[in-house]
């Protein structure tokens, strides 16, 4: 089945996934540099700031493996949802998830040491 929208994942669900033995997702953070400097997930991410898409767009397909799920992250889950929609339009056959509520929800629901902004 081809999906037309990213699957939603809550912060507690993502935390459980990252702590499990399941194949790990590629975390893609689409926030700007200053946002990433303020608050970041305590896991490695592929940083693709949307405002600089011209810098990474040509090499983007090299960043993904069809067998690795992708979880897209932003501040509140809106920009990441839009980027996830775009990813699903590409011919890469990716499993795409959107972090519901973004890094802000992660701070509230999972890790209060991650600053809110």
C-alpha atoms as a PDB file:
ATOM      1  CA  UNK A   1       0.000   0.000   0.000  1.00  0.00           C
ATOM      2  CA  UNK A   2       1.350   3.395  -0.968  1.00  0.00           C
ATOM      3  CA  UNK A   3       0.871   6.006   1.734  1.00  0.00           C
ATOM      4  CA  UNK A   4       0.005   9.585   0.852  1.00  0.00           C
ATOM      5  CA  UNK A   5       0.580  11.002   4.347  1.00  0.00           C
ATOM      6  CA  UNK A   6       3.320  10.401   6.902  1.00  0.00           C
ATOM      7  CA  UNK A   7       2.365   8.148   9.762  1.00  0.00           C
ATOM      8  CA  UNK A   8       2.133  10.025  13.056  1.00  0.00           C
ATOM      9  CA  UNK A   9       4.264   8.940  16.002  1.00  0.00           C
ATOM     10  CA  UNK A  10       4.110  10.377  19.506  1.00  0.00           C
ATOM     11  CA  UNK A  11       7.190  11.249  21.510  1.00  0.00           C
ATOM     12  CA  UNK A  12       6.715   8.333  23.960  1.00  0.00           C
ATOM     13  CA  UNK A  13       6.258   5.947  21.016  1.00  0.00           C
ATOM     14  CA  UNK A  14       9.435   7.246  19.373  1.00  0.00           C
ATOM     15  CA  UNK A  15      11.347   6.958  22.640  1.00  0.00           C
ATOM     16  CA  UNK A  16      10.215   3.326  22.985  1.00  0.00           C
ATOM     17  CA  UNK A  17      11.207   2.619  19.361  1.00  0.00           C
ATOM     18  CA  UNK A  18      14.663   4.132  19.847  1.00  0.00           C
ATOM     19  CA  UNK A  19      15.185   2.051  22.999  1.00  0.00           C
ATOM     20  CA  UNK A  20      14.007  -1.176  21.374  1.00  0.00           C
ATOM     21  CA  UNK A  21      15.670  -3.874  19.299  1.00  0.00           C
ATOM     22  CA  UNK A  22      13.581  -2.886  16.254  1.00  0.00           C
ATOM     23  CA  UNK A  23      15.470  -1.574  13.219  1.00  0.00           C
ATOM     24  CA  UNK A  24      16.278   2.031  14.047  1.00  0.00           C
ATOM     25  CA  UNK A  25      14.768   4.887  12.053  1.00  0.00           C
ATOM     26  CA  UNK A  26      16.709   7.619  10.345  1.00  0.00           C
ATOM     27  CA  UNK A  27      15.850  10.785  12.292  1.00  0.00           C
ATOM     28  CA  UNK A  28      15.636  13.812   9.989  1.00  0.00           C
ATOM     29  CA  UNK A  29      15.502  17.229  11.659  1.00  0.00           C
ATOM     30  CA  UNK A  30      14.291  19.983   9.316  1.00  0.00           C
ATOM     31  CA  UNK A  31      14.669  22.880  11.763  1.00  0.00           C
ATOM     32  CA  UNK A  32      17.083  25.756  11.298  1.00  0.00           C
ATOM     33  CA  UNK A  33      20.602  25.809  12.790  1.00  0.00           C
ATOM     34  CA  UNK A  34      19.650  28.113  15.673  1.00  0.00           C
ATOM     35  CA  UNK A  35      16.702  25.876  16.589  1.00  0.00           C
ATOM     36  CA  UNK A  36      18.895  22.792  16.614  1.00  0.00           C
ATOM     37  CA  UNK A  37      21.381  24.647  18.824  1.00  0.00           C
ATOM     38  CA  UNK A  38      18.582  25.466  21.300  1.00  0.00           C
ATOM     39  CA  UNK A  39      17.005  22.028  21.602  1.00  0.00           C
ATOM     40  CA  UNK A  40      17.946  18.706  20.088  1.00  0.00           C
ATOM     41  CA  UNK A  41      16.991  15.081  20.368  1.00  0.00           C
ATOM     42  CA  UNK A  42      19.530  13.014  22.324  1.00  0.00           C
ATOM     43  CA  UNK A  43      20.047  10.845  19.234  1.00  0.00           C
ATOM     44  CA  UNK A  44      21.948  11.352  15.971  1.00  0.00           C
ATOM     45  CA  UNK A  45      19.936  13.163  13.321  1.00  0.00           C
ATOM     46  CA  UNK A  46      20.325  14.025   9.670  1.00  0.00           C
ATOM     47  CA  UNK A  47      20.023  17.822   9.750  1.00  0.00           C
ATOM     48  CA  UNK A  48      18.262  19.184   6.665  1.00  0.00           C
ATOM     49  CA  UNK A  49      17.271  22.798   7.362  1.00  0.00           C
ATOM     50  CA  UNK A  50      14.440  23.586   4.983  1.00  0.00           C
ATOM     51  CA  UNK A  51      15.665  27.115   4.274  1.00  0.00           C
ATOM     52  CA  UNK A  52      18.853  25.660   2.800  1.00  0.00           C
ATOM     53  CA  UNK A  53      17.299  22.943   0.672  1.00  0.00           C
ATOM     54  CA  UNK A  54      19.338  24.111  -2.329  1.00  0.00           C
ATOM     55  CA  UNK A  55      22.442  22.961  -0.405  1.00  0.00           C
ATOM     56  CA  UNK A  56      21.292  19.370   0.076  1.00  0.00           C
ATOM     57  CA  UNK A  57      18.524  18.655  -2.415  1.00  0.00           C
ATOM     58  CA  UNK A  58      20.748  17.156  -5.137  1.00  0.00           C
ATOM     59  CA  UNK A  59      22.407  14.664  -2.785  1.00  0.00           C
ATOM     60  CA  UNK A  60      19.309  13.883  -0.725  1.00  0.00           C
ATOM     61  CA  UNK A  61      18.514  10.494  -2.325  1.00  0.00           C
ATOM     62  CA  UNK A  62      21.922   9.248  -1.134  1.00  0.00           C
ATOM     63  CA  UNK A  63      20.817   9.863   2.473  1.00  0.00           C
ATOM     64  CA  UNK A  64      18.000   7.318   2.436  1.00  0.00           C
ATOM     65  CA  UNK A  65      17.747   3.555   2.274  1.00  0.00           C
ATOM     66  CA  UNK A  66      14.361   2.148   1.307  1.00  0.00           C
ATOM     67  CA  UNK A  67      14.617  -0.403   4.107  1.00  0.00           C
ATOM     68  CA  UNK A  68      15.163   2.207   6.860  1.00  0.00           C
ATOM     69  CA  UNK A  69      12.118   4.022   8.222  1.00  0.00           C
ATOM     70  CA  UNK A  70      12.383   7.821   8.361  1.00  0.00           C
ATOM     71  CA  UNK A  71      11.098   9.937  11.252  1.00  0.00           C
ATOM     72  CA  UNK A  72      10.921  13.649  10.457  1.00  0.00           C
ATOM     73  CA  UNK A  73      11.198  16.211  13.277  1.00  0.00           C
ATOM     74  CA  UNK A  74      10.694  19.966  13.610  1.00  0.00           C
ATOM     75  CA  UNK A  75       9.593  22.315  16.404  1.00  0.00           C
ATOM     76  CA  UNK A  76       5.870  21.528  16.504  1.00  0.00           C
ATOM     77  CA  UNK A  77       5.332  18.910  13.808  1.00  0.00           C
ATOM     78  CA  UNK A  78       4.070  21.146  10.986  1.00  0.00           C
ATOM     79  CA  UNK A  79       7.183  21.653   8.852  1.00  0.00           C
ATOM     80  CA  UNK A  80       8.147  18.014   9.351  1.00  0.00           C
ATOM     81  CA  UNK A  81       4.682  16.915   8.227  1.00  0.00           C
ATOM     82  CA  UNK A  82       5.015  18.963   5.029  1.00  0.00           C
ATOM     83  CA  UNK A  83       8.502  17.564   4.403  1.00  0.00           C
ATOM     84  CA  UNK A  84       7.157  14.058   5.029  1.00  0.00           C
ATOM     85  CA  UNK A  85       4.427  14.660   2.447  1.00  0.00           C
ATOM     86  CA  UNK A  86       7.099  15.715  -0.036  1.00  0.00           C
ATOM     87  CA  UNK A  87       9.223  12.644   0.747  1.00  0.00           C
ATOM     88  CA  UNK A  88       6.265  10.382   0.025  1.00  0.00           C
ATOM     89  CA  UNK A  89       5.840  12.040  -3.387  1.00  0.00           C
ATOM     90  CA  UNK A  90       9.385  11.024  -4.347  1.00  0.00           C
ATOM     91  CA  UNK A  91      10.087   7.695  -6.084  1.00  0.00           C
ATOM     92  CA  UNK A  92      12.122   6.359  -3.155  1.00  0.00           C
ATOM     93  CA  UNK A  93       9.468   4.123  -1.566  1.00  0.00           C
ATOM     94  CA  UNK A  94      10.185   5.285   1.987  1.00  0.00           C
ATOM     95  CA  UNK A  95       8.335   4.525   5.207  1.00  0.00           C
ATOM     96  CA  UNK A  96       7.847   8.056   6.585  1.00  0.00           C
ATOM     97  CA  UNK A  97       6.785   9.046  10.089  1.00  0.00           C
ATOM     98  CA  UNK A  98       6.174  12.514  11.527  1.00  0.00           C
ATOM     99  CA  UNK A  99       6.929  13.291  15.177  1.00  0.00           C
ATOM    100  CA  UNK A 100       3.572  14.551  16.424  1.00  0.00           C
ATOM    101  CA  UNK A 101       4.107  17.837  18.264  1.00  0.00           C
ATOM    102  CA  UNK A 102       7.792  17.935  17.305  1.00  0.00           C
ATOM    103  CA  UNK A 103      10.688  18.581  19.660  1.00  0.00           C
ATOM    104  CA  UNK A 104       8.359  20.627  21.861  1.00  0.00           C
ATOM    105  CA  UNK A 105       6.242  17.551  22.588  1.00  0.00           C
ATOM    106  CA  UNK A 106       9.429  15.535  23.190  1.00  0.00           C
ATOM    107  CA  UNK A 107      10.419  18.057  25.868  1.00  0.00           C
ATOM    108  CA  UNK A 108       6.986  17.939  27.539  1.00  0.00           C
ATOM    109  CA  UNK A 109       6.288  14.211  27.250  1.00  0.00           C
ATOM    110  CA  UNK A 110       9.694  12.524  27.353  1.00  0.00           C
ATOM    111  CA  UNK A 111      12.685  14.650  28.336  1.00  0.00           C
ATOM    112  CA  UNK A 112      12.167  17.949  30.193  1.00  0.00           C
ATOM    113  CA  UNK A 113      15.927  18.603  30.003  1.00  0.00           C
ATOM    114  CA  UNK A 114      15.382  19.465  26.312  1.00  0.00           C
ATOM    115  CA  UNK A 115      14.689  23.214  26.380  1.00  0.00           C
ATOM    116  CA  UNK A 116      11.385  24.536  25.078  1.00  0.00           C
ATOM    117  CA  UNK A 117      11.321  27.591  22.867  1.00  0.00           C
END
